[in-house]
Amino acid sequence: MTTPDPTQHDSASVGDLFGRISEDISTLMRQEFALAKAEASQTAKKAGTGAGMLGGAAWAANFVLLFASIALWWWIGTMIGDGDAQPALGWSALIVTVIWAIIAAVLALKGKKEIESAEGLPQTAATMKKIPDALKGQE
């Protein structure tokens, strides 16, 4: 076996070197775009889940308004009427209103938490900041 002579240089031309650099940069950019795509997909899923929960909260809030109106309607009817109204129906409407209010609150809080947990693209941002230093050889 012979030891390579340290005085000999690789016979690669400047064009070959630029070709390799171009390939490396192209590979790096493809990897960064793949990372950004994966992170964006994950963030979109969280934001979509949160938006769905907020939509459910709005739907439940609509029922709160409906049943609160029914409860108020029965209460006013009992107060103004001649006392023959059935007050149990008014209380039952109020109970249903409270149930819908709880559902709306839970969905709203969960949806808000899900949307706040969407982080964006932190890993992509961090690695993109390193690219200029890597090109300078200072990574």
C-alpha atoms as a PDB file:
ATOM      1  CA  MET A   1       0.000   0.000   0.000  1.00  0.00           C
ATOM      2  CA  THR A   2       1.178   3.404  -0.794  1.00  0.00           C
ATOM      3  CA  THR A   3       0.501   6.518   1.151  1.00  0.00           C
ATOM      4  CA  PRO A   4      -0.920   9.405  -0.831  1.00  0.00           C
ATOM      5  CA  ASP A   5       1.497  12.227  -1.346  1.00  0.00           C
ATOM      6  CA  PRO A   6       0.220  15.301   0.543  1.00  0.00           C
ATOM      7  CA  THR A   7       1.692  17.559  -2.118  1.00  0.00           C
ATOM      8  CA  GLN A   8      -0.595  16.119  -4.776  1.00  0.00           C
ATOM      9  CA  HIS A   9      -3.875  17.919  -5.215  1.00  0.00           C
ATOM     10  CA  ASP A  10      -7.176  16.535  -6.359  1.00  0.00           C
ATOM     11  CA  SER A  11      -7.432  17.070 -10.054  1.00  0.00           C
ATOM     12  CA  ALA A  12     -10.997  18.395  -9.856  1.00  0.00           C
ATOM     13  CA  SER A  13     -11.520  21.482 -11.933  1.00  0.00           C
ATOM     14  CA  VAL A  14     -13.114  24.660 -10.697  1.00  0.00           C
ATOM     15  CA  GLY A  15     -16.196  23.760 -12.724  1.00  0.00           C
ATOM     16  CA  ASP A  16     -16.425  20.393 -10.941  1.00  0.00           C
ATOM     17  CA  LEU A  17     -16.117  22.102  -7.567  1.00  0.00           C
ATOM     18  CA  PHE A  18     -18.869  24.577  -8.419  1.00  0.00           C
ATOM     19  CA  GLY A  19     -20.980  21.667  -9.651  1.00  0.00           C
ATOM     20  CA  ARG A  20     -20.570  19.872  -6.319  1.00  0.00           C
ATOM     21  CA  ILE A  21     -21.366  23.053  -4.392  1.00  0.00           C
ATOM     22  CA  SER A  22     -24.450  23.574  -6.528  1.00  0.00           C
ATOM     23  CA  GLU A  23     -25.566  19.978  -5.863  1.00  0.00           C
ATOM     24  CA  ASP A  24     -25.014  20.385  -2.119  1.00  0.00           C
ATOM     25  CA  ILE A  25     -26.976  23.634  -2.011  1.00  0.00           C
ATOM     26  CA  SER A  26     -29.759  22.055  -4.040  1.00  0.00           C
ATOM     27  CA  THR A  27     -29.911  19.079  -1.661  1.00  0.00           C
ATOM     28  CA  LEU A  28     -29.905  21.397   1.349  1.00  0.00           C
ATOM     29  CA  MET A  29     -32.750  23.475  -0.069  1.00  0.00           C
ATOM     30  CA  ARG A  30     -34.830  20.366  -0.889  1.00  0.00           C
ATOM     31  CA  GLN A  31     -34.363  19.129   2.674  1.00  0.00           C
ATOM     32  CA  GLU A  32     -35.340  22.520   4.105  1.00  0.00           C
ATOM     33  CA  PHE A  33     -38.477  22.640   1.954  1.00  0.00           C
ATOM     34  CA  ALA A  34     -39.413  19.117   3.046  1.00  0.00           C
ATOM     35  CA  LEU A  35     -38.978  20.153   6.692  1.00  0.00           C
ATOM     36  CA  ALA A  36     -41.050  23.298   6.171  1.00  0.00           C
ATOM     37  CA  LYS A  37     -43.786  21.259   4.488  1.00  0.00           C
ATOM     38  CA  ALA A  38     -43.917  18.774   7.381  1.00  0.00           C
ATOM     39  CA  GLU A  39     -44.024  21.543   9.990  1.00  0.00           C
ATOM     40  CA  ALA A  40     -46.664  23.498   8.075  1.00  0.00           C
ATOM     41  CA  SER A  41     -48.819  20.375   7.832  1.00  0.00           C
ATOM     42  CA  GLN A  42     -48.589  19.778  11.584  1.00  0.00           C
ATOM     43  CA  THR A  43     -49.394  23.422  12.355  1.00  0.00           C
ATOM     44  CA  ALA A  44     -52.347  23.405   9.950  1.00  0.00           C
ATOM     45  CA  LYS A  45     -53.774  20.301  11.656  1.00  0.00           C
ATOM     46  CA  LYS A  46     -53.660  21.985  15.066  1.00  0.00           C
ATOM     47  CA  ALA A  47     -55.154  25.210  13.746  1.00  0.00           C
ATOM     48  CA  GLY A  48     -57.884  23.259  11.934  1.00  0.00           C
ATOM     49  CA  THR A  49     -58.755  21.309  15.069  1.00  0.00           C
ATOM     50  CA  GLY A  50     -58.933  24.514  17.083  1.00  0.00           C
ATOM     51  CA  ALA A  51     -61.087  26.213  14.456  1.00  0.00           C
ATOM     52  CA  GLY A  52     -63.447  23.227  14.445  1.00  0.00           C
ATOM     53  CA  MET A  53     -63.793  23.399  18.205  1.00  0.00           C
ATOM     54  CA  LEU A  54     -64.495  27.126  18.047  1.00  0.00           C
ATOM     55  CA  GLY A  55     -67.133  26.400  15.415  1.00  0.00           C
ATOM     56  CA  GLY A  56     -68.669  23.840  17.773  1.00  0.00           C
ATOM     57  CA  ALA A  57     -68.591  26.410  20.557  1.00  0.00           C
ATOM     58  CA  ALA A  58     -70.437  28.899  18.351  1.00  0.00           C
ATOM     59  CA  TRP A  59     -73.015  26.233  17.496  1.00  0.00           C
ATOM     60  CA  ALA A  60     -73.490  25.431  21.200  1.00  0.00           C
ATOM     61  CA  ALA A  61     -73.708  29.153  22.025  1.00  0.00           C
ATOM     62  CA  ASN A  62     -76.568  29.374  19.545  1.00  0.00           C
ATOM     63  CA  PHE A  63     -78.408  26.753  21.613  1.00  0.00           C
ATOM     64  CA  VAL A  64     -77.630  28.723  24.789  1.00  0.00           C
ATOM     65  CA  LEU A  65     -79.385  31.699  23.277  1.00  0.00           C
ATOM     66  CA  LEU A  66     -82.288  29.553  22.093  1.00  0.00           C
ATOM     67  CA  PHE A  67     -82.892  27.872  25.451  1.00  0.00           C
ATOM     68  CA  ALA A  68     -82.268  31.055  27.431  1.00  0.00           C
ATOM     69  CA  SER A  69     -84.949  32.690  25.323  1.00  0.00           C
ATOM     70  CA  ILE A  70     -87.327  29.788  25.943  1.00  0.00           C
ATOM     71  CA  ALA A  71     -86.643  29.959  29.703  1.00  0.00           C
ATOM     72  CA  LEU A  72     -87.242  33.701  29.756  1.00  0.00           C
ATOM     73  CA  TRP A  73     -90.380  33.212  27.722  1.00  0.00           C
ATOM     74  CA  TRP A  74     -91.786  30.718  30.227  1.00  0.00           C
ATOM     75  CA  TRP A  75     -90.810  32.915  33.180  1.00  0.00           C
ATOM     76  CA  ILE A  76     -92.463  35.988  31.731  1.00  0.00           C
ATOM     77  CA  GLY A  77     -95.510  33.915  30.826  1.00  0.00           C
ATOM     78  CA  THR A  78     -95.763  32.647  34.405  1.00  0.00           C
ATOM     79  CA  MET A  79     -95.339  36.116  35.906  1.00  0.00           C
ATOM     80  CA  ILE A  80     -97.853  37.791  33.640  1.00  0.00           C
ATOM     81  CA  GLY A  81    -100.248  34.853  33.275  1.00  0.00           C
ATOM     82  CA  ASP A  82    -102.955  33.827  35.654  1.00  0.00           C
ATOM     83  CA  GLY A  83    -100.759  31.227  37.409  1.00  0.00           C
ATOM     84  CA  ASP A  84    -101.893  28.265  35.305  1.00  0.00           C
ATOM     85  CA  ALA A  85     -98.570  28.008  33.467  1.00  0.00           C
ATOM     86  CA  GLN A  86     -96.431  25.003  34.290  1.00  0.00           C
ATOM     87  CA  PRO A  87     -93.277  26.373  35.954  1.00  0.00           C
ATOM     88  CA  ALA A  88     -91.466  23.030  35.640  1.00  0.00           C
ATOM     89  CA  LEU A  89     -91.168  23.562  31.894  1.00  0.00           C
ATOM     90  CA  GLY A  90     -89.467  26.914  32.484  1.00  0.00           C
ATOM     91  CA  TRP A  91     -86.961  25.374  34.893  1.00  0.00           C
ATOM     92  CA  SER A  92     -86.248  22.518  32.508  1.00  0.00           C
ATOM     93  CA  ALA A  93     -85.496  24.992  29.718  1.00  0.00           C
ATOM     94  CA  LEU A  94     -83.122  26.795  32.076  1.00  0.00           C
ATOM     95  CA  ILE A  95     -81.357  23.523  32.934  1.00  0.00           C
ATOM     96  CA  VAL A  96     -80.885  22.745  29.239  1.00  0.00           C
ATOM     97  CA  THR A  97     -79.525  26.271  28.770  1.00  0.00           C
ATOM     98  CA  VAL A  98     -76.918  25.682  31.489  1.00  0.00           C
ATOM     99  CA  ILE A  99     -75.917  22.368  29.885  1.00  0.00           C
ATOM    100  CA  TRP A 100     -75.389  24.061  26.515  1.00  0.00           C
ATOM    101  CA  ALA A 101     -73.467  26.889  28.180  1.00  0.00           C
ATOM    102  CA  ILE A 102     -71.080  24.367  29.761  1.00  0.00           C
ATOM    103  CA  ILE A 103     -70.574  22.606  26.412  1.00  0.00           C
ATOM    104  CA  ALA A 104     -69.893  25.935  24.685  1.00  0.00           C
ATOM    105  CA  ALA A 105     -67.383  26.963  27.372  1.00  0.00           C
ATOM    106  CA  VAL A 106     -65.499  23.644  27.226  1.00  0.00           C
ATOM    107  CA  LEU A 107     -65.283  23.707  23.418  1.00  0.00           C
ATOM    108  CA  ALA A 108     -64.195  27.351  23.386  1.00  0.00           C
ATOM    109  CA  LEU A 109     -61.432  26.763  25.946  1.00  0.00           C
ATOM    110  CA  LYS A 110     -60.185  23.625  24.177  1.00  0.00           C
ATOM    111  CA  GLY A 111     -60.276  25.365  20.799  1.00  0.00           C
ATOM    112  CA  LYS A 112     -58.384  28.375  22.132  1.00  0.00           C
ATOM    113  CA  LYS A 113     -55.753  26.113  23.703  1.00  0.00           C
ATOM    114  CA  GLU A 114     -55.351  24.153  20.459  1.00  0.00           C
ATOM    115  CA  ILE A 115     -54.903  27.315  18.392  1.00  0.00           C
ATOM    116  CA  GLU A 116     -52.395  28.756  20.877  1.00  0.00           C
ATOM    117  CA  SER A 117     -50.365  25.533  20.723  1.00  0.00           C
ATOM    118  CA  ALA A 118     -49.809  25.954  16.971  1.00  0.00           C
ATOM    119  CA  GLU A 119     -46.152  27.013  16.900  1.00  0.00           C
ATOM    120  CA  GLY A 120     -45.555  27.816  13.272  1.00  0.00           C
ATOM    121  CA  LEU A 121     -42.318  26.513  11.794  1.00  0.00           C
ATOM    122  CA  PRO A 122     -39.708  26.799  14.583  1.00  0.00           C
ATOM    123  CA  GLN A 123     -37.370  24.059  13.387  1.00  0.00           C
ATOM    124  CA  THR A 124     -37.349  25.353   9.820  1.00  0.00           C
ATOM    125  CA  ALA A 125     -36.697  28.912  11.002  1.00  0.00           C
ATOM    126  CA  ALA A 126     -33.784  27.753  13.149  1.00  0.00           C
ATOM    127  CA  THR A 127     -32.128  25.752  10.388  1.00  0.00           C
ATOM    128  CA  MET A 128     -32.707  28.458   7.776  1.00  0.00           C
ATOM    129  CA  LYS A 129     -30.767  30.879   9.995  1.00  0.00           C
ATOM    130  CA  LYS A 130     -27.812  28.476   9.908  1.00  0.00           C
ATOM    131  CA  ILE A 131     -27.585  28.312   6.101  1.00  0.00           C
ATOM    132  CA  PRO A 132     -25.555  31.530   5.584  1.00  0.00           C
ATOM    133  CA  ASP A 133     -23.019  30.440   8.216  1.00  0.00           C
ATOM    134  CA  ALA A 134     -22.835  26.957   6.706  1.00  0.00           C
ATOM    135  CA  LEU A 135     -22.105  28.432   3.285  1.00  0.00           C
ATOM    136  CA  LYS A 136     -19.289  30.473   4.835  1.00  0.00           C
ATOM    137  CA  GLY A 137     -17.931  27.367   6.557  1.00  0.00           C
ATOM    138  CA  GLN A 138     -18.690  28.677  10.059  1.00  0.00           C
ATOM    139  CA  GLU A 139     -21.371  26.235  11.130  1.00  0.00           C
END
